[in-house]
Amino acid sequence: MRSAKENDFPYRMQTVCYFEVYHDGKVCQVPHKNKSDLPNVVEALKRAEKGLTTLYAVWPGNWSSDLFIIDDLEEFASSLGLMNMV
């Protein structure tokens, strides 16, 4: 697993798949491609900020896909235009 903050992570790339993992093992996808998805992204961000979940992303490449932990929640929010919504 790689760190999003230690890489030039493409937060807005449409092919990136975000998901959150709860402490009980529950896993949920976090859609982010449409404006109608933004309230769900904000709620996922709030849960991650409270420490209830951890956000991850899969960045698909040509030959393999890499797993990243979203370890800079402020950059995540800023990149997706969520700063005024949090």
Protein backbone atom coordinates (compact mmCIF):
# COMPACT_ATOMS: atom_id res chain seq x y z
CA MET A 1 0.00 0.00 0.00
CA ARG A 2 1.23 3.46 -0.88
CA SER A 3 0.69 6.87 0.66
CA ALA A 4 -1.39 9.37 -1.34
CA LYS A 5 0.38 12.31 0.30
CA GLU A 6 3.81 10.99 -0.68
CA ASN A 7 2.85 10.66 -4.34
CA ASP A 8 1.36 13.00 -6.90
CA PHE A 9 -2.03 11.41 -6.43
CA PRO A 10 -4.70 12.20 -9.07
CA TYR A 11 -7.65 12.74 -6.72
CA ARG A 12 -9.97 13.92 -9.52
CA MET A 13 -9.16 11.17 -12.03
CA GLN A 14 -12.39 9.47 -13.06
CA THR A 15 -10.90 5.97 -13.04
CA VAL A 16 -9.77 6.17 -9.40
CA CYS A 17 -11.95 4.06 -7.11
CA TYR A 18 -12.41 5.37 -3.55
CA PHE A 19 -13.65 3.25 -0.70
CA GLU A 20 -13.82 3.45 3.05
CA VAL A 21 -13.18 0.72 5.56
CA TYR A 22 -14.92 0.75 8.92
CA HIS A 23 -13.23 -0.63 12.03
CA ASP A 24 -15.61 -3.58 12.05
CA GLY A 25 -14.40 -4.58 8.56
CA LYS A 26 -17.33 -3.17 6.57
CA VAL A 27 -16.20 -1.81 3.19
CA CYS A 28 -18.15 0.76 1.13
CA GLN A 29 -17.37 2.37 -2.19
CA VAL A 30 -17.35 6.18 -2.27
CA PRO A 31 -18.63 7.33 -5.67
CA HIS A 32 -17.18 10.70 -6.71
CA LYS A 33 -17.76 11.13 -10.44
CA ASN A 34 -20.90 13.29 -10.39
CA LYS A 35 -21.95 16.39 -8.47
CA SER A 36 -24.79 14.34 -7.02
CA ASP A 37 -22.13 12.12 -5.37
CA LEU A 38 -20.59 14.99 -3.39
CA PRO A 39 -22.81 14.72 -0.28
CA ASN A 40 -21.78 11.06 0.07
CA VAL A 41 -18.11 12.00 -0.34
CA VAL A 42 -18.48 14.69 2.33
CA GLU A 43 -20.05 12.19 4.73
CA ALA A 44 -17.24 9.69 4.08
CA LEU A 45 -14.68 12.44 4.68
CA LYS A 46 -16.32 13.40 7.97
CA ARG A 47 -16.27 9.78 9.14
CA ALA A 48 -12.59 9.52 8.24
CA GLU A 49 -11.79 12.78 10.05
CA LYS A 50 -13.53 11.43 13.17
CA GLY A 51 -11.48 8.23 12.93
CA LEU A 52 -14.54 6.05 12.30
CA THR A 53 -13.28 4.87 8.91
CA THR A 54 -10.17 4.96 6.78
CA LEU A 55 -10.29 6.11 3.17
CA TYR A 56 -8.44 4.22 0.45
CA ALA A 57 -8.18 4.51 -3.30
CA VAL A 58 -7.18 2.26 -6.15
CA TRP A 59 -5.34 4.03 -8.95
CA PRO A 60 -5.51 1.83 -12.05
CA GLY A 61 -2.53 1.78 -14.36
CA ASN A 62 -1.79 0.20 -17.71
CA TRP A 63 -0.36 -3.01 -16.27
CA SER A 64 -1.39 -2.99 -12.63
CA SER A 65 -3.44 -1.07 -10.09
CA ASP A 66 -2.01 0.43 -6.92
CA LEU A 67 -3.69 0.74 -3.54
CA PHE A 68 -3.30 4.05 -1.69
CA ILE A 69 -4.30 5.15 1.77
CA ILE A 70 -5.80 8.63 1.69
CA ASP A 71 -3.59 10.00 4.44
CA ASP A 72 -3.99 13.72 3.67
CA LEU A 73 -7.68 14.34 4.17
CA GLU A 74 -7.30 18.08 3.69
CA GLU A 75 -5.73 17.60 0.26
CA PHE A 76 -8.42 15.06 -0.62
CA ALA A 77 -11.16 17.56 0.31
CA SER A 78 -9.44 20.44 -1.46
CA SER A 79 -8.80 18.48 -4.65
CA LEU A 80 -12.42 17.39 -4.89
CA GLY A 81 -13.70 20.90 -4.13
CA LEU A 82 -15.20 19.96 -0.75
CA MET A 83 -13.61 22.58 1.50
CA ASN A 84 -16.79 24.70 1.71
CA MET A 85 -18.93 21.63 2.30
CA VAL A 86 -17.09 20.19 5.31
